[in-house]
Amino acid sequence: MNISIVTVGKLKEKYLKAGIAEYAKRLGAYAKIMEVEVADEKAPEQLSEADMEIVKKKEGERILAKIPQDAYVIALAIDGKMKTSEQLAKDMESLMTYGRSKVVFVIGGSLGLHEEVLKRADEKLSFSKMTFPHQLMKLILLEQVYRGFRIMKGEPYHK
């Protein structure tokens, strides 16, 4: 399975980089992992609704340019479906079984994802009703994907 994680913005925090590198390394035994960062749109702190839409649209265009045509796209969105770790594992296994070997997870910027990205997504996934920093979500996502592969293979993993 080829898994890409497309994120908006450059990761700067060393502790997050270390955790992400660790899970990416562990996942290497199960899948090919590709991390793709697209530039975030520079914008002032206070934005009008129209300005926010422009920022999300520009970031969305960058995201869409990085998604292969034949990829199965899972957008992380607060209004997405919540799943257990076991359900995520089952769904990933189903994708592999039915020949969907390219999976792209998309994590938007601080303003979220543009509607065009959400339209392109095959599904929306939520980890919580809470809002998390998008940089932290990459680490959480990688851990859950790793956990999913361990579950699929029947290998032990702490609960």
N, C-alpha and C. Protein backbone atom coordinates (compact mmCIF):
# COMPACT_ATOMS: atom_id res chain seq x y z
N MET A 1 0.84 -1.18 0.00
CA MET A 1 0.00 0.00 0.00
C MET A 1 0.89 1.24 0.00
N ASN A 2 0.51 2.22 -0.79
CA ASN A 2 1.20 3.51 -0.83
C ASN A 2 0.33 4.53 -0.11
N ILE A 3 0.87 5.09 0.96
CA ILE A 3 0.13 6.06 1.74
C ILE A 3 0.84 7.40 1.67
N SER A 4 0.11 8.41 1.25
CA SER A 4 0.63 9.78 1.25
C SER A 4 -0.14 10.58 2.28
N ILE A 5 0.58 11.46 2.94
CA ILE A 5 -0.07 12.39 3.86
C ILE A 5 0.26 13.79 3.36
N VAL A 6 -0.76 14.47 2.89
CA VAL A 6 -0.59 15.82 2.37
C VAL A 6 -1.02 16.80 3.46
N THR A 7 -0.11 17.67 3.86
CA THR A 7 -0.39 18.64 4.91
C THR A 7 -0.07 20.04 4.44
N VAL A 8 -0.75 20.99 5.03
CA VAL A 8 -0.49 22.41 4.74
C VAL A 8 0.48 22.94 5.78
N GLY A 9 1.52 23.58 5.31
CA GLY A 9 2.49 24.21 6.21
C GLY A 9 3.68 23.31 6.51
N LYS A 10 4.75 23.98 6.89
CA LYS A 10 5.99 23.28 7.19
C LYS A 10 6.04 22.99 8.69
N LEU A 11 6.39 21.77 9.00
CA LEU A 11 6.51 21.36 10.40
C LEU A 11 7.82 21.90 10.97
N LYS A 12 7.74 22.61 12.09
CA LYS A 12 8.92 23.23 12.68
C LYS A 12 9.33 22.61 14.02
N GLU A 13 8.35 22.14 14.79
CA GLU A 13 8.63 21.67 16.14
C GLU A 13 9.42 20.37 16.13
N LYS A 14 10.57 20.36 16.82
CA LYS A 14 11.44 19.19 16.82
C LYS A 14 10.77 17.97 17.43
N TYR A 15 10.01 18.17 18.50
CA TYR A 15 9.39 17.03 19.17
C TYR A 15 8.34 16.36 18.27
N LEU A 16 7.64 17.13 17.47
CA LEU A 16 6.69 16.55 16.53
C LEU A 16 7.42 15.86 15.38
N LYS A 17 8.48 16.48 14.90
CA LYS A 17 9.27 15.86 13.83
C LYS A 17 9.81 14.51 14.27
N ALA A 18 10.28 14.42 15.53
CA ALA A 18 10.83 13.17 16.05
C ALA A 18 9.75 12.08 16.11
N GLY A 19 8.58 12.43 16.60
CA GLY A 19 7.50 11.46 16.68
C GLY A 19 7.03 11.00 15.31
N ILE A 20 6.90 11.94 14.39
CA ILE A 20 6.48 11.62 13.03
C ILE A 20 7.51 10.72 12.35
N ALA A 21 8.78 11.04 12.52
CA ALA A 21 9.84 10.21 11.94
C ALA A 21 9.81 8.79 12.50
N GLU A 22 9.56 8.67 13.79
CA GLU A 22 9.50 7.35 14.42
C GLU A 22 8.37 6.51 13.84
N TYR A 23 7.16 7.08 13.75
CA TYR A 23 6.05 6.30 13.21
C TYR A 23 6.19 6.05 11.72
N ALA A 24 6.75 6.98 10.99
CA ALA A 24 7.00 6.76 9.55
C ALA A 24 7.98 5.60 9.37
N LYS A 25 8.99 5.54 10.22
CA LYS A 25 9.96 4.44 10.17
C LYS A 25 9.27 3.11 10.47
N ARG A 26 8.47 3.07 11.53
CA ARG A 26 7.76 1.84 11.89
C ARG A 26 6.82 1.39 10.77
N LEU A 27 6.15 2.36 10.15
CA LEU A 27 5.20 2.04 9.07
C LEU A 27 5.89 1.49 7.83
N GLY A 28 7.18 1.78 7.69
CA GLY A 28 7.93 1.30 6.53
C GLY A 28 7.88 -0.21 6.35
N ALA A 29 7.64 -0.94 7.43
CA ALA A 29 7.54 -2.40 7.36
C ALA A 29 6.23 -2.84 6.71
N TYR A 30 5.25 -1.97 6.64
CA TYR A 30 3.91 -2.32 6.17
C TYR A 30 3.50 -1.62 4.87
N ALA A 31 4.00 -0.42 4.67
CA ALA A 31 3.55 0.38 3.54
C ALA A 31 4.62 1.39 3.16
N LYS A 32 4.49 1.91 1.96
CA LYS A 32 5.36 3.01 1.53
C LYS A 32 4.68 4.30 1.97
N ILE A 33 5.38 5.10 2.76
CA ILE A 33 4.83 6.33 3.31
C ILE A 33 5.49 7.52 2.62
N MET A 34 4.67 8.45 2.16
CA MET A 34 5.20 9.67 1.57
C MET A 34 4.55 10.86 2.27
N GLU A 35 5.38 11.76 2.75
CA GLU A 35 4.90 12.97 3.40
C GLU A 35 5.06 14.12 2.42
N VAL A 36 3.96 14.83 2.19
CA VAL A 36 3.96 15.95 1.24
C VAL A 36 3.48 17.19 1.98
N GLU A 37 4.31 18.21 2.00
CA GLU A 37 3.92 19.48 2.61
C GLU A 37 3.71 20.50 1.51
N VAL A 38 2.57 21.19 1.57
CA VAL A 38 2.33 22.29 0.64
C VAL A 38 2.40 23.59 1.44
N ALA A 39 2.79 24.64 0.79
CA ALA A 39 2.95 25.93 1.48
C ALA A 39 1.62 26.44 1.99
N ASP A 40 1.66 27.00 3.19
CA ASP A 40 0.46 27.65 3.70
C ASP A 40 0.42 29.06 3.13
N GLU A 41 -0.77 29.58 3.00
CA GLU A 41 -0.96 30.92 2.45
C GLU A 41 -0.75 31.94 3.56
N LYS A 42 0.15 32.85 3.33
CA LYS A 42 0.41 33.90 4.33
C LYS A 42 -0.80 34.82 4.43
N ALA A 43 -1.20 35.05 5.68
CA ALA A 43 -2.38 35.89 5.90
C ALA A 43 -2.29 36.53 7.28
N PRO A 44 -2.85 37.72 7.44
CA PRO A 44 -2.85 38.36 8.76
C PRO A 44 -3.76 37.60 9.73
N GLU A 45 -3.59 37.85 11.03
CA GLU A 45 -4.39 37.18 12.06
C GLU A 45 -5.88 37.41 11.87
N GLN A 46 -6.27 38.64 11.64
CA GLN A 46 -7.69 38.97 11.49
C GLN A 46 -8.07 38.94 10.01
N LEU A 47 -8.95 37.99 9.68
CA LEU A 47 -9.39 37.84 8.29
C LEU A 47 -10.90 37.92 8.20
N SER A 48 -11.37 38.51 7.12
CA SER A 48 -12.81 38.50 6.85
C SER A 48 -13.17 37.11 6.34
N GLU A 49 -14.46 36.81 6.27
CA GLU A 49 -14.92 35.53 5.72
C GLU A 49 -14.42 35.36 4.28
N ALA A 50 -14.49 36.43 3.52
CA ALA A 50 -14.04 36.38 2.11
C ALA A 50 -12.54 36.09 2.03
N ASP A 51 -11.76 36.74 2.90
CA ASP A 51 -10.31 36.50 2.91
C ASP A 51 -9.99 35.06 3.31
N MET A 52 -10.75 34.54 4.29
CA MET A 52 -10.53 33.15 4.72
C MET A 52 -10.81 32.18 3.56
N GLU A 53 -11.83 32.48 2.80
CA GLU A 53 -12.18 31.63 1.66
C GLU A 53 -11.06 31.66 0.61
N ILE A 54 -10.48 32.83 0.38
CA ILE A 54 -9.38 32.97 -0.58
C ILE A 54 -8.18 32.15 -0.12
N VAL A 55 -7.85 32.24 1.17
CA VAL A 55 -6.71 31.48 1.72
C VAL A 55 -6.95 29.98 1.55
N LYS A 56 -8.14 29.51 1.94
CA LYS A 56 -8.44 28.08 1.82
C LYS A 56 -8.44 27.63 0.37
N LYS A 57 -8.91 28.48 -0.53
CA LYS A 57 -8.92 28.13 -1.96
C LYS A 57 -7.50 27.95 -2.49
N LYS A 58 -6.61 28.89 -2.15
CA LYS A 58 -5.21 28.79 -2.62
C LYS A 58 -4.52 27.55 -2.04
N GLU A 59 -4.73 27.32 -0.74
CA GLU A 59 -4.14 26.12 -0.13
C GLU A 59 -4.76 24.86 -0.75
N GLY A 60 -6.06 24.90 -1.01
CA GLY A 60 -6.74 23.77 -1.63
C GLY A 60 -6.21 23.43 -3.01
N GLU A 61 -5.91 24.44 -3.79
CA GLU A 61 -5.34 24.22 -5.12
C GLU A 61 -4.00 23.52 -5.02
N ARG A 62 -3.20 23.92 -4.03
CA ARG A 62 -1.88 23.28 -3.83
C ARG A 62 -2.06 21.82 -3.41
N ILE A 63 -3.04 21.58 -2.55
CA ILE A 63 -3.31 20.20 -2.10
C ILE A 63 -3.74 19.35 -3.29
N LEU A 64 -4.73 19.82 -4.03
CA LEU A 64 -5.27 19.04 -5.15
C LEU A 64 -4.20 18.71 -6.19
N ALA A 65 -3.24 19.60 -6.36
CA ALA A 65 -2.16 19.37 -7.32
C ALA A 65 -1.26 18.19 -6.91
N LYS A 66 -1.31 17.83 -5.65
CA LYS A 66 -0.46 16.75 -5.13
C LYS A 66 -1.17 15.40 -5.02
N ILE A 67 -2.44 15.35 -5.39
CA ILE A 67 -3.22 14.12 -5.26
C ILE A 67 -3.30 13.42 -6.61
N PRO A 68 -2.78 12.19 -6.70
CA PRO A 68 -2.90 11.44 -7.95
C PRO A 68 -4.35 11.17 -8.30
N GLN A 69 -4.64 11.10 -9.59
CA GLN A 69 -6.01 10.91 -10.07
C GLN A 69 -6.63 9.62 -9.54
N ASP A 70 -5.82 8.56 -9.42
CA ASP A 70 -6.35 7.25 -9.03
C ASP A 70 -6.27 6.98 -7.52
N ALA A 71 -5.99 8.00 -6.73
CA ALA A 71 -5.86 7.82 -5.29
C ALA A 71 -7.22 7.83 -4.59
N TYR A 72 -7.29 7.07 -3.51
CA TYR A 72 -8.43 7.12 -2.61
C TYR A 72 -8.09 8.19 -1.58
N VAL A 73 -8.94 9.19 -1.45
CA VAL A 73 -8.61 10.36 -0.63
C VAL A 73 -9.45 10.38 0.64
N ILE A 74 -8.76 10.51 1.77
CA ILE A 74 -9.41 10.63 3.07
C ILE A 74 -9.03 11.99 3.64
N ALA A 75 -10.02 12.87 3.73
CA ALA A 75 -9.79 14.21 4.27
C ALA A 75 -10.08 14.21 5.76
N LEU A 76 -9.16 14.73 6.55
CA LEU A 76 -9.41 14.89 7.97
C LEU A 76 -10.23 16.15 8.17
N ALA A 77 -11.41 15.97 8.74
CA ALA A 77 -12.33 17.09 8.91
C ALA A 77 -13.13 16.88 10.19
N ILE A 78 -13.35 17.95 10.91
CA ILE A 78 -14.05 17.86 12.19
C ILE A 78 -15.45 17.29 12.04
N ASP A 79 -16.07 17.47 10.87
CA ASP A 79 -17.42 16.94 10.65
C ASP A 79 -17.41 15.59 9.95
N GLY A 80 -16.22 14.96 9.89
CA GLY A 80 -16.12 13.64 9.28
C GLY A 80 -16.63 12.55 10.19
N LYS A 81 -16.55 11.33 9.69
CA LYS A 81 -17.00 10.17 10.46
C LYS A 81 -15.93 9.79 11.48
N MET A 82 -16.36 9.51 12.70
CA MET A 82 -15.44 9.02 13.72
C MET A 82 -15.42 7.51 13.67
N LYS A 83 -14.23 6.93 13.84
CA LYS A 83 -14.06 5.48 13.78
C LYS A 83 -13.22 5.03 14.96
N THR A 84 -13.37 3.76 15.31
CA THR A 84 -12.45 3.16 16.26
C THR A 84 -11.18 2.79 15.51
N SER A 85 -10.12 2.49 16.24
CA SER A 85 -8.88 2.04 15.60
C SER A 85 -9.12 0.76 14.81
N GLU A 86 -9.95 -0.12 15.37
CA GLU A 86 -10.25 -1.38 14.69
C GLU A 86 -11.01 -1.13 13.39
N GLN A 87 -11.92 -0.16 13.38
CA GLN A 87 -12.67 0.15 12.16
C GLN A 87 -11.76 0.76 11.10
N LEU A 88 -10.85 1.63 11.51
CA LEU A 88 -9.89 2.20 10.56
C LEU A 88 -9.05 1.08 9.96
N ALA A 89 -8.60 0.14 10.78
CA ALA A 89 -7.81 -1.00 10.29
C ALA A 89 -8.62 -1.81 9.28
N LYS A 90 -9.87 -2.09 9.61
CA LYS A 90 -10.74 -2.86 8.72
C LYS A 90 -10.95 -2.13 7.40
N ASP A 91 -11.16 -0.83 7.47
CA ASP A 91 -11.38 -0.05 6.25
C ASP A 91 -10.12 0.00 5.38
N MET A 92 -8.95 0.13 6.00
CA MET A 92 -7.69 0.13 5.23
C MET A 92 -7.48 -1.23 4.58
N GLU A 93 -7.79 -2.29 5.32
CA GLU A 93 -7.65 -3.64 4.78
C GLU A 93 -8.59 -3.83 3.59
N SER A 94 -9.79 -3.31 3.70
CA SER A 94 -10.76 -3.39 2.61
C SER A 94 -10.26 -2.65 1.37
N LEU A 95 -9.67 -1.48 1.58
CA LEU A 95 -9.11 -0.73 0.45
C LEU A 95 -8.04 -1.55 -0.26
N MET A 96 -7.16 -2.19 0.53
CA MET A 96 -6.10 -3.01 -0.07
C MET A 96 -6.69 -4.20 -0.82
N THR A 97 -7.70 -4.83 -0.23
CA THR A 97 -8.33 -6.00 -0.84
C THR A 97 -8.94 -5.67 -2.19
N TYR A 98 -9.53 -4.49 -2.29
CA TYR A 98 -10.23 -4.11 -3.51
C TYR A 98 -9.38 -3.24 -4.44
N GLY A 99 -8.06 -3.33 -4.29
CA GLY A 99 -7.15 -2.72 -5.25
C GLY A 99 -6.94 -1.22 -5.13
N ARG A 100 -7.34 -0.63 -4.01
CA ARG A 100 -7.10 0.80 -3.82
C ARG A 100 -5.77 0.95 -3.09
N SER A 101 -4.68 0.79 -3.80
CA SER A 101 -3.36 0.76 -3.17
C SER A 101 -2.77 2.14 -2.92
N LYS A 102 -3.35 3.18 -3.52
CA LYS A 102 -2.88 4.55 -3.27
C LYS A 102 -3.90 5.26 -2.39
N VAL A 103 -3.50 5.56 -1.17
CA VAL A 103 -4.37 6.25 -0.24
C VAL A 103 -3.71 7.57 0.14
N VAL A 104 -4.46 8.64 0.06
CA VAL A 104 -3.95 9.96 0.42
C VAL A 104 -4.80 10.50 1.57
N PHE A 105 -4.13 10.78 2.68
CA PHE A 105 -4.77 11.48 3.79
C PHE A 105 -4.45 12.95 3.63
N VAL A 106 -5.43 13.81 3.85
CA VAL A 106 -5.24 15.25 3.69
C VAL A 106 -5.53 15.95 5.02
N ILE A 107 -4.57 16.75 5.45
CA ILE A 107 -4.72 17.56 6.66
C ILE A 107 -4.60 19.01 6.24
N GLY A 108 -5.66 19.76 6.46
CA GLY A 108 -5.68 21.17 6.05
C GLY A 108 -4.89 22.07 6.97
N GLY A 109 -4.86 23.34 6.63
CA GLY A 109 -4.19 24.34 7.43
C GLY A 109 -5.05 24.80 8.60
N SER A 110 -4.66 25.88 9.20
CA SER A 110 -5.34 26.36 10.40
C SER A 110 -6.78 26.79 10.14
N LEU A 111 -7.12 27.08 8.90
CA LEU A 111 -8.50 27.47 8.57
C LEU A 111 -9.35 26.29 8.08
N GLY A 112 -8.71 25.14 7.94
CA GLY A 112 -9.43 23.97 7.46
C GLY A 112 -9.23 23.76 5.97
N LEU A 113 -10.07 22.89 5.40
CA LEU A 113 -9.95 22.53 3.99
C LEU A 113 -10.99 23.25 3.15
N HIS A 114 -10.59 23.60 1.94
CA HIS A 114 -11.50 24.23 0.98
C HIS A 114 -12.52 23.19 0.50
N GLU A 115 -13.67 23.66 0.14
CA GLU A 115 -14.76 22.81 -0.32
C GLU A 115 -14.36 21.92 -1.50
N GLU A 116 -13.50 22.41 -2.39
CA GLU A 116 -13.07 21.60 -3.54
C GLU A 116 -12.26 20.38 -3.10
N VAL A 117 -11.48 20.53 -2.04
CA VAL A 117 -10.72 19.39 -1.51
C VAL A 117 -11.70 18.39 -0.88
N LEU A 118 -12.67 18.89 -0.14
CA LEU A 118 -13.66 18.01 0.48
C LEU A 118 -14.49 17.28 -0.59
N LYS A 119 -14.76 17.94 -1.71
CA LYS A 119 -15.49 17.29 -2.81
C LYS A 119 -14.66 16.17 -3.43
N ARG A 120 -13.36 16.39 -3.52
CA ARG A 120 -12.46 15.37 -4.09
C ARG A 120 -12.30 14.16 -3.17
N ALA A 121 -12.49 14.36 -1.89
CA ALA A 121 -12.29 13.28 -0.92
C ALA A 121 -13.32 12.18 -1.12
N ASP A 122 -12.87 10.95 -0.98
CA ASP A 122 -13.76 9.80 -1.02
C ASP A 122 -14.46 9.62 0.33
N GLU A 123 -13.81 10.11 1.37
CA GLU A 123 -14.44 10.09 2.69
C GLU A 123 -13.80 11.16 3.57
N LYS A 124 -14.57 11.54 4.60
CA LYS A 124 -14.07 12.49 5.59
C LYS A 124 -13.95 11.75 6.91
N LEU A 125 -12.82 11.94 7.56
CA LEU A 125 -12.53 11.26 8.82
C LEU A 125 -12.30 12.29 9.91
N SER A 126 -12.90 12.04 11.07
CA SER A 126 -12.71 12.92 12.22
C SER A 126 -12.11 12.12 13.36
N PHE A 127 -11.16 12.70 14.04
CA PHE A 127 -10.56 12.06 15.20
C PHE A 127 -11.24 12.52 16.49
N SER A 128 -11.97 13.63 16.41
CA SER A 128 -12.61 14.17 17.61
C SER A 128 -13.46 15.36 17.21
N LYS A 129 -14.37 15.74 18.08
CA LYS A 129 -15.12 16.98 17.87
C LYS A 129 -14.26 18.19 18.27
N MET A 130 -13.15 17.90 18.95
CA MET A 130 -12.24 18.98 19.34
C MET A 130 -11.37 19.39 18.16
N THR A 131 -10.81 20.57 18.26
CA THR A 131 -9.89 21.06 17.25
C THR A 131 -8.46 20.82 17.74
N PHE A 132 -7.63 20.27 16.87
CA PHE A 132 -6.22 20.03 17.18
C PHE A 132 -5.36 20.83 16.21
N PRO A 133 -4.14 21.20 16.65
CA PRO A 133 -3.23 21.84 15.70
C PRO A 133 -2.96 20.87 14.55
N HIS A 134 -2.96 21.38 13.32
CA HIS A 134 -2.81 20.49 12.17
C HIS A 134 -1.46 19.78 12.18
N GLN A 135 -0.43 20.39 12.78
CA GLN A 135 0.86 19.73 12.85
C GLN A 135 0.80 18.50 13.77
N LEU A 136 0.07 18.61 14.88
CA LEU A 136 -0.09 17.50 15.81
C LEU A 136 -0.92 16.39 15.18
N MET A 137 -1.87 16.73 14.34
CA MET A 137 -2.72 15.73 13.70
C MET A 137 -1.91 14.77 12.83
N LYS A 138 -0.86 15.25 12.24
CA LYS A 138 -0.02 14.38 11.42
C LYS A 138 0.57 13.25 12.26
N LEU A 139 1.03 13.58 13.45
CA LEU A 139 1.59 12.58 14.36
C LEU A 139 0.49 11.61 14.81
N ILE A 140 -0.65 12.13 15.19
CA ILE A 140 -1.76 11.28 15.63
C ILE A 140 -2.21 10.36 14.50
N LEU A 141 -2.31 10.89 13.30
CA LEU A 141 -2.71 10.10 12.15
C LEU A 141 -1.73 8.96 11.89
N LEU A 142 -0.44 9.27 11.86
CA LEU A 142 0.57 8.24 11.61
C LEU A 142 0.51 7.14 12.67
N GLU A 143 0.30 7.53 13.92
CA GLU A 143 0.21 6.53 14.98
C GLU A 143 -0.99 5.63 14.74
N GLN A 144 -2.13 6.20 14.36
CA GLN A 144 -3.33 5.40 14.13
C GLN A 144 -3.20 4.50 12.90
N VAL A 145 -2.54 4.97 11.87
CA VAL A 145 -2.32 4.13 10.69
C VAL A 145 -1.39 2.97 11.06
N TYR A 146 -0.35 3.25 11.83
CA TYR A 146 0.55 2.21 12.31
C TYR A 146 -0.23 1.20 13.16
N ARG A 147 -1.03 1.69 14.08
CA ARG A 147 -1.85 0.83 14.93
C ARG A 147 -2.77 -0.03 14.04
N GLY A 148 -3.33 0.58 13.00
CA GLY A 148 -4.20 -0.15 12.09
C GLY A 148 -3.50 -1.32 11.42
N PHE A 149 -2.28 -1.12 10.97
CA PHE A 149 -1.54 -2.22 10.35
C PHE A 149 -1.22 -3.31 11.36
N ARG A 150 -0.90 -2.93 12.59
CA ARG A 150 -0.64 -3.92 13.63
C ARG A 150 -1.91 -4.75 13.90
N ILE A 151 -3.05 -4.07 13.93
CA ILE A 151 -4.32 -4.77 14.14
C ILE A 151 -4.60 -5.72 12.97
N MET A 152 -4.40 -5.24 11.73
CA MET A 152 -4.64 -6.07 10.55
C MET A 152 -3.80 -7.34 10.57
N LYS A 153 -2.56 -7.21 11.01
CA LYS A 153 -1.63 -8.33 10.99
C LYS A 153 -1.77 -9.21 12.24
N GLY A 154 -2.63 -8.81 13.17
CA GLY A 154 -2.80 -9.59 14.40
C GLY A 154 -1.60 -9.47 15.31
N GLU A 155 -0.84 -8.42 15.16
CA GLU A 155 0.37 -8.23 15.98
C GLU A 155 0.01 -7.44 17.24
N PRO A 156 0.73 -7.72 18.32
CA PRO A 156 0.40 -7.02 19.57
C PRO A 156 0.74 -5.53 19.51
N TYR A 157 -0.11 -4.76 20.17
CA TYR A 157 0.13 -3.33 20.28
C TYR A 157 -0.61 -2.87 21.52
N HIS A 158 -0.02 -1.96 22.27
CA HIS A 158 -0.66 -1.55 23.53
C HIS A 158 -2.02 -0.94 23.27
N LYS A 159 -2.92 -1.16 24.20
CA LYS A 159 -4.30 -0.65 24.05
C LYS A 159 -4.52 0.60 24.84
